[in-house]
Amino acid sequence: MGTSNCSDKFTRDTVHQTTMKGYPVRQVSRRLGWSTHSLCKWMKPFGDPAPEKRDVDH
């Protein structure tokens, strides 16, 4: 497996297009010339963290 030649800023901006702007992963990866597999791998470290679960007393 190779290493990525892109900056963290590029990676964050790319992930932002799918997570915040709602563009499909396939469309973004095709437009930028990266595989959908690469973009999905980037989503784990660069995607927004999941909201915290809060315990609710009823």
Protein backbone atom coordinates (compact mmCIF):
# COMPACT_ATOMS: atom_id res chain seq x y z
CA MET A 1 0.00 0.00 0.00
CA GLY A 2 1.37 3.45 -0.93
CA THR A 3 1.32 6.70 0.92
CA SER A 4 -0.82 9.69 0.04
CA ASN A 5 0.82 12.62 -1.75
CA CYS A 6 -1.78 15.16 -0.68
CA SER A 7 -1.79 17.60 2.19
CA ASP A 8 -3.97 17.35 5.28
CA LYS A 9 -5.80 20.49 4.15
CA PHE A 10 -6.68 18.91 0.79
CA THR A 11 -7.85 15.76 2.54
CA ARG A 12 -9.99 17.70 5.04
CA ASP A 13 -11.52 19.80 2.26
CA THR A 14 -12.29 16.68 0.24
CA VAL A 15 -13.94 14.93 3.19
CA HIS A 16 -15.86 18.14 3.97
CA GLN A 17 -17.45 17.98 0.51
CA THR A 18 -19.07 14.66 1.38
CA THR A 19 -19.81 15.07 5.09
CA MET A 20 -20.94 18.70 5.25
CA LYS A 21 -21.96 19.63 1.72
CA GLY A 22 -23.62 16.28 1.00
CA TYR A 23 -21.91 15.39 -2.27
CA PRO A 24 -21.78 11.63 -2.99
CA VAL A 25 -18.40 10.00 -2.32
CA ARG A 26 -18.34 8.54 -5.82
CA GLN A 27 -18.90 11.96 -7.44
CA VAL A 28 -16.20 13.70 -5.38
CA SER A 29 -13.64 10.94 -5.89
CA ARG A 30 -14.27 10.80 -9.64
CA ARG A 31 -14.03 14.60 -10.00
CA LEU A 32 -10.75 14.77 -8.06
CA GLY A 33 -9.20 11.65 -9.60
CA TRP A 34 -8.97 9.62 -6.37
CA SER A 35 -10.49 6.21 -5.71
CA THR A 36 -13.64 5.92 -3.63
CA HIS A 37 -11.68 3.58 -1.37
CA SER A 38 -9.14 6.33 -0.61
CA LEU A 39 -11.84 8.88 0.14
CA CYS A 40 -13.65 6.47 2.46
CA LYS A 41 -10.38 5.82 4.31
CA TRP A 42 -9.88 9.58 4.73
CA MET A 43 -13.32 9.95 6.28
CA LYS A 44 -12.30 8.08 9.43
CA PRO A 45 -9.44 10.35 10.59
CA PHE A 46 -10.65 13.57 8.93
CA GLY A 47 -14.43 13.29 9.21
CA ASP A 48 -16.36 15.07 11.92
CA PRO A 49 -16.47 13.16 15.20
CA ALA A 50 -19.77 11.52 16.07
CA PRO A 51 -21.90 13.52 18.47
CA GLU A 52 -21.56 12.46 22.08
CA LYS A 53 -24.28 10.31 23.52
CA ARG A 54 -25.88 11.84 26.58
CA ASP A 55 -27.62 9.87 29.24
CA VAL A 56 -31.11 11.14 29.91
CA ASP A 57 -32.93 10.53 33.18
CA HIS A 58 -36.64 10.00 32.75
